[in-house]
Amino acid sequence: MPQCMSTALLYSSVGILIVLVAPCESGCKETGRCCNGRNATCVSKGWRTDRSYGVCYCDQACVSSLDCCHDYELACPAVSCEVRAWSEWSGCSEPCRAAVRVRSRKVLQEPLNGGKACPHLEEHAGCAEYRGHHGQCRKSLVPALITTGGYGNARKKRDIPESDDVTGYCVQFQLTSLTAGCQQLVGPHTQWMRYLREGHQVCVECQPPALAAGQKHCAGDGEEEEKERVHSLQWQAVGNPRCRGVWKRVGKLNSCSCPTVHSFLFI
């Protein structure tokens, strides 16, 4: 710990020698200290930011305890965390069933001196792939599996016949019941589930990649059940197995017209 004193010699008009002794300035820069958290050894002696003189600190906690050395902000500037851009989404962890995909990002700069903490570095999202190691999946995915509409922009497109009659469509449902698990969010990838509410009407799009093998409709869309006059259909949210429920088919549309937060996908 540096200790020094500065002196000044003054002579009064009556010939009396006056010695003025003042403490010197010391701080974080002179001691070369900058510490994270609370660190009792990260100490110096000098002027504090409140203009008092004495023991002062160069650790991150001094900002809240108001005992920083006078040059703390200059000597120990806050550096926020920096991260890379998100990686591409991985493939589904398992084919022919509701599964999970992952993406991640790496830290470029760790936070220092009270800088902004790093955001989460990994995201998970529900997904489904319709081809396994042995070709096309044999069983359709039932009950209806749904996910956020944004998934359609990123998922892989499986091979589909080059035919004009293979097109997507939209089905409108009314939610008649759902489990409490839909409101128990388990990560960023489940945020969309909070918009599921009993009594709301939702639009679910059937895109060509989700068409059942050899069929012109998505598994669980209620088309076959409607012919048999079955009104209650089951659904499950991909990414949170505790979020599931029952809905009633309202009708088939050429295109979805629901608000974005009430627009989903069959997968």
Protein backbone atom coordinates (compact mmCIF):
# COMPACT_ATOMS: atom_id res chain seq x y z
CA MET A 1 0.00 0.00 0.00
CA PRO A 2 1.64 3.29 -1.05
CA GLN A 3 2.09 5.78 1.70
CA CYS A 4 3.46 9.25 1.09
CA MET A 5 3.09 12.76 2.40
CA SER A 6 3.76 16.08 0.72
CA THR A 7 5.08 19.03 2.67
CA ALA A 8 5.20 22.76 2.15
CA LEU A 9 7.29 25.33 4.07
CA LEU A 10 5.74 28.72 4.68
CA TYR A 11 7.07 31.71 6.62
CA SER A 12 4.64 33.97 8.34
CA SER A 13 5.11 37.71 8.56
CA VAL A 14 6.44 37.32 12.08
CA GLY A 15 9.15 34.90 11.06
CA ILE A 16 7.46 31.73 12.27
CA LEU A 17 8.09 28.68 10.16
CA ILE A 18 4.85 26.89 9.31
CA VAL A 19 4.99 23.34 7.95
CA LEU A 20 1.92 22.14 6.08
CA VAL A 21 1.65 18.41 5.61
CA ALA A 22 -0.90 17.05 3.13
CA PRO A 23 -1.58 13.51 2.04
CA CYS A 24 -0.60 12.60 -1.50
CA GLU A 25 -3.01 11.27 -4.07
CA SER A 26 -2.96 7.52 -4.58
CA GLY A 27 -5.50 5.21 -6.13
CA CYS A 28 -6.24 2.29 -8.40
CA LYS A 29 -3.95 3.32 -11.25
CA GLU A 30 -0.90 3.72 -9.02
CA THR A 31 -1.46 0.38 -7.28
CA GLY A 32 -2.40 -1.35 -10.53
CA ARG A 33 -5.47 -2.96 -8.98
CA CYS A 34 -8.90 -3.69 -10.49
CA CYS A 35 -10.88 -6.55 -8.95
CA ASN A 36 -14.23 -8.23 -9.51
CA GLY A 37 -16.81 -8.58 -6.76
CA ARG A 38 -15.86 -7.65 -3.19
CA ASN A 39 -12.16 -8.08 -2.51
CA ALA A 40 -10.77 -6.77 0.77
CA THR A 41 -7.21 -7.00 -0.56
CA CYS A 42 -8.00 -4.76 -3.52
CA VAL A 43 -7.25 -1.68 -1.45
CA SER A 44 -5.30 1.55 -1.62
CA LYS A 45 -5.09 4.76 0.36
CA GLY A 46 -5.96 8.12 -1.01
CA TRP A 47 -8.86 10.31 -1.96
CA ARG A 48 -12.23 8.66 -2.33
CA THR A 49 -14.93 9.63 -4.80
CA ASP A 50 -16.83 11.33 -1.95
CA ARG A 51 -13.77 13.64 -1.49
CA SER A 52 -12.79 12.14 1.84
CA TYR A 53 -9.29 10.78 2.42
CA GLY A 54 -8.39 7.36 3.74
CA VAL A 55 -8.58 3.70 2.80
CA CYS A 56 -10.26 3.25 -0.57
CA TYR A 57 -11.02 0.26 -2.77
CA CYS A 58 -10.61 -0.75 -6.40
CA ASP A 59 -13.05 -3.64 -6.47
CA GLN A 60 -16.40 -3.87 -8.21
CA ALA A 61 -18.35 -3.66 -4.95
CA CYS A 62 -16.95 -0.23 -4.08
CA VAL A 63 -19.50 1.36 -6.41
CA SER A 64 -22.38 0.29 -4.14
CA SER A 65 -20.48 0.73 -0.87
CA LEU A 66 -19.32 4.23 -1.92
CA ASP A 67 -15.69 3.70 -0.93
CA CYS A 68 -14.00 3.68 -4.35
CA CYS A 69 -10.71 5.40 -4.90
CA HIS A 70 -11.05 8.67 -6.76
CA ASP A 71 -9.76 7.24 -10.07
CA TYR A 72 -11.67 3.93 -10.02
CA GLU A 73 -13.88 4.69 -13.03
CA LEU A 74 -10.91 5.78 -15.14
CA ALA A 75 -8.51 3.06 -14.01
CA CYS A 76 -11.10 0.25 -13.99
CA PRO A 77 -13.67 1.00 -16.72
CA ALA A 78 -16.68 -1.31 -16.95
CA VAL A 79 -16.39 -3.78 -19.82
CA SER A 80 -19.60 -5.54 -20.86
CA CYS A 81 -19.78 -9.10 -22.08
CA GLU A 82 -19.57 -9.64 -25.83
CA VAL A 83 -20.78 -12.77 -27.59
CA ARG A 84 -20.62 -14.18 -31.11
CA ALA A 85 -23.68 -14.45 -33.34
CA TRP A 86 -25.87 -17.53 -32.92
CA SER A 87 -24.70 -20.68 -34.64
CA GLU A 88 -26.98 -22.45 -37.11
CA TRP A 89 -29.65 -24.65 -35.57
CA SER A 90 -28.62 -28.26 -35.14
CA GLY A 91 -30.66 -31.07 -36.58
CA CYS A 92 -33.32 -32.75 -34.47
CA SER A 93 -31.85 -34.98 -31.79
CA GLU A 94 -34.01 -37.93 -32.91
CA PRO A 95 -35.91 -38.56 -36.17
CA CYS A 96 -39.54 -39.64 -36.52
CA ARG A 97 -40.66 -38.14 -33.21
CA ALA A 98 -41.00 -34.84 -31.39
CA ALA A 99 -37.48 -33.86 -30.46
CA VAL A 100 -35.24 -30.87 -29.69
CA ARG A 101 -32.80 -28.82 -31.76
CA VAL A 102 -30.06 -26.59 -30.32
CA ARG A 103 -28.07 -23.50 -31.24
CA SER A 104 -25.31 -21.79 -29.27
CA ARG A 105 -22.96 -18.82 -29.20
CA LYS A 106 -19.55 -18.24 -27.67
CA VAL A 107 -18.21 -15.52 -25.40
CA LEU A 108 -15.77 -13.10 -27.00
CA GLN A 109 -15.25 -10.89 -23.94
CA GLU A 110 -16.00 -11.75 -20.32
CA PRO A 111 -17.55 -8.89 -18.32
CA LEU A 112 -15.15 -6.87 -16.17
CA ASN A 113 -15.54 -4.30 -13.40
CA GLY A 114 -19.32 -4.47 -13.20
CA GLY A 115 -19.93 -4.58 -16.95
CA LYS A 116 -23.11 -6.11 -18.36
CA ALA A 117 -23.31 -9.85 -17.72
CA CYS A 118 -23.32 -12.37 -20.56
CA PRO A 119 -26.71 -13.40 -22.00
CA HIS A 120 -27.69 -17.06 -22.21
CA LEU A 121 -25.39 -18.99 -24.52
CA GLU A 122 -27.64 -21.85 -25.61
CA GLU A 123 -31.19 -22.10 -26.92
CA HIS A 124 -33.41 -25.13 -27.43
CA ALA A 125 -36.49 -25.45 -29.61
CA GLY A 126 -38.90 -28.20 -30.50
CA CYS A 127 -38.64 -29.86 -33.91
CA ALA A 128 -39.49 -32.96 -35.89
CA GLU A 129 -37.79 -34.67 -38.82
CA TYR A 130 -39.79 -36.93 -41.10
CA ARG A 131 -36.95 -39.07 -42.45
CA GLY A 132 -34.82 -41.44 -40.38
CA HIS A 133 -31.76 -43.54 -41.16
CA HIS A 134 -33.96 -46.01 -43.04
CA GLY A 135 -35.96 -43.53 -45.07
CA GLN A 136 -39.44 -42.09 -44.59
CA CYS A 137 -40.92 -42.38 -41.11
CA ARG A 138 -43.53 -45.12 -40.99
CA LYS A 139 -45.76 -43.69 -38.30
CA SER A 140 -47.41 -40.29 -38.36
CA LEU A 141 -46.92 -37.93 -35.46
CA VAL A 142 -50.12 -38.05 -33.39
CA PRO A 143 -51.58 -36.20 -31.54
CA ALA A 144 -51.21 -32.98 -33.50
CA LEU A 145 -47.81 -31.49 -32.69
CA ILE A 146 -47.60 -27.71 -32.94
CA THR A 147 -44.88 -25.12 -32.61
CA THR A 148 -44.41 -21.40 -33.20
CA GLY A 149 -44.94 -20.15 -36.73
CA GLY A 150 -41.35 -18.88 -36.87
CA TYR A 151 -40.11 -22.45 -37.06
CA GLY A 152 -41.22 -22.64 -40.70
CA ASN A 153 -38.46 -20.24 -41.71
CA ALA A 154 -35.67 -22.45 -40.40
CA ARG A 155 -36.67 -26.09 -40.57
CA LYS A 156 -35.28 -28.44 -43.17
CA LYS A 157 -37.40 -29.19 -46.20
CA ARG A 158 -37.64 -32.89 -46.85
CA ASP A 159 -37.97 -34.29 -50.36
CA ILE A 160 -41.52 -33.92 -51.59
CA PRO A 161 -42.98 -34.84 -54.95
CA GLU A 162 -42.66 -32.15 -57.58
CA SER A 163 -46.36 -31.82 -58.12
CA ASP A 164 -48.72 -28.90 -58.39
CA ASP A 165 -51.18 -30.52 -55.99
CA VAL A 166 -48.76 -30.60 -53.05
CA THR A 167 -49.54 -27.34 -51.33
CA GLY A 168 -49.92 -26.05 -47.81
CA TYR A 169 -53.11 -24.97 -46.11
CA CYS A 170 -54.38 -23.64 -42.79
CA VAL A 171 -56.78 -25.06 -40.22
CA GLN A 172 -58.56 -22.95 -37.64
CA PHE A 173 -59.24 -24.41 -34.21
CA GLN A 174 -60.85 -23.25 -30.99
CA LEU A 175 -58.96 -24.19 -27.83
CA THR A 176 -61.37 -25.91 -25.44
CA SER A 177 -58.89 -26.96 -22.75
CA LEU A 178 -55.16 -26.94 -22.02
CA THR A 179 -52.88 -27.95 -19.19
CA ALA A 180 -51.30 -25.56 -16.68
CA GLY A 181 -47.91 -26.60 -18.05
CA CYS A 182 -48.41 -24.22 -20.99
CA GLN A 183 -47.87 -21.29 -18.63
CA GLN A 184 -44.84 -22.85 -16.93
CA LEU A 185 -42.16 -21.61 -19.32
CA VAL A 186 -38.94 -23.63 -19.27
CA GLY A 187 -36.79 -21.46 -21.52
CA PRO A 188 -36.84 -18.90 -24.35
CA HIS A 189 -38.01 -21.56 -26.80
CA THR A 190 -41.30 -21.94 -24.90
CA GLN A 191 -42.26 -18.24 -24.78
CA TRP A 192 -44.80 -18.66 -27.57
CA MET A 193 -46.85 -21.07 -25.45
CA ARG A 194 -48.01 -18.31 -23.11
CA TYR A 195 -50.38 -17.11 -25.86
CA LEU A 196 -52.35 -20.35 -25.72
CA ARG A 197 -55.58 -19.58 -23.89
CA GLU A 198 -58.78 -21.53 -23.41
CA GLY A 199 -61.53 -20.22 -25.70
CA HIS A 200 -59.14 -18.54 -28.18
CA GLN A 201 -59.22 -19.39 -31.86
CA VAL A 202 -55.84 -20.23 -33.39
CA CYS A 203 -54.57 -20.87 -36.91
CA VAL A 204 -52.29 -23.84 -37.55
CA GLU A 205 -50.53 -24.06 -40.90
CA CYS A 206 -49.75 -27.31 -42.67
CA GLN A 207 -46.62 -26.82 -44.78
CA PRO A 208 -45.47 -29.47 -47.30
CA PRO A 209 -42.58 -30.74 -45.10
CA ALA A 210 -45.10 -31.85 -42.46
CA LEU A 211 -47.50 -33.63 -44.80
CA ALA A 212 -48.00 -37.23 -43.76
CA ALA A 213 -46.29 -39.74 -46.06
CA GLY A 214 -48.43 -40.34 -49.14
CA GLN A 215 -51.12 -37.96 -47.85
CA LYS A 216 -52.27 -34.49 -48.68
CA HIS A 217 -52.90 -33.42 -45.11
CA CYS A 218 -50.91 -33.04 -41.89
CA ALA A 219 -51.22 -35.64 -39.16
CA GLY A 220 -53.61 -34.46 -36.45
CA ASP A 221 -55.29 -31.74 -38.53
CA GLY A 222 -58.70 -33.29 -37.87
CA GLU A 223 -59.65 -33.90 -41.49
CA GLU A 224 -60.35 -37.60 -41.04
CA GLU A 225 -61.97 -37.06 -37.67
CA GLU A 226 -64.30 -34.44 -39.17
CA LYS A 227 -65.65 -37.04 -41.58
CA GLU A 228 -66.37 -39.24 -38.59
CA ARG A 229 -67.89 -36.30 -36.71
CA VAL A 230 -65.29 -36.37 -33.98
CA HIS A 231 -65.24 -32.87 -32.50
CA SER A 232 -62.59 -33.05 -29.75
CA LEU A 233 -59.01 -33.42 -30.98
CA GLN A 234 -55.79 -33.58 -29.00
CA TRP A 235 -52.72 -31.45 -29.51
CA GLN A 236 -49.30 -31.11 -27.88
CA ALA A 237 -46.78 -28.27 -27.94
CA VAL A 238 -43.34 -29.34 -29.09
CA GLY A 239 -40.57 -28.34 -26.66
CA ASN A 240 -42.67 -28.68 -23.51
CA PRO A 241 -44.35 -32.08 -23.03
CA ARG A 242 -46.39 -30.66 -20.15
CA CYS A 243 -48.19 -28.28 -22.54
CA ARG A 244 -51.03 -30.11 -24.27
CA GLY A 245 -54.78 -29.93 -24.56
CA VAL A 246 -57.93 -30.35 -26.63
CA TRP A 247 -59.30 -28.19 -29.41
CA LYS A 248 -62.28 -28.18 -31.78
CA ARG A 249 -61.79 -27.87 -35.51
CA VAL A 250 -63.50 -24.76 -36.87
CA GLY A 251 -62.63 -25.11 -40.53
CA LYS A 252 -60.00 -25.32 -43.26
CA LEU A 253 -58.61 -22.15 -44.85
CA ASN A 254 -56.47 -21.52 -47.89
CA SER A 255 -54.22 -19.24 -45.84
CA CYS A 256 -53.88 -18.37 -42.16
CA SER A 257 -55.37 -15.05 -41.09
CA CYS A 258 -54.91 -15.18 -37.32
CA PRO A 259 -52.67 -12.71 -35.44
CA THR A 260 -49.02 -13.76 -35.35
CA VAL A 261 -49.16 -14.79 -31.68
CA HIS A 262 -52.07 -17.13 -32.48
CA SER A 263 -50.47 -18.65 -35.59
CA PHE A 264 -48.73 -22.01 -35.30
CA LEU A 265 -47.42 -24.90 -37.39
CA PHE A 266 -48.04 -28.60 -37.62
CA ILE A 267 -44.67 -30.36 -37.46
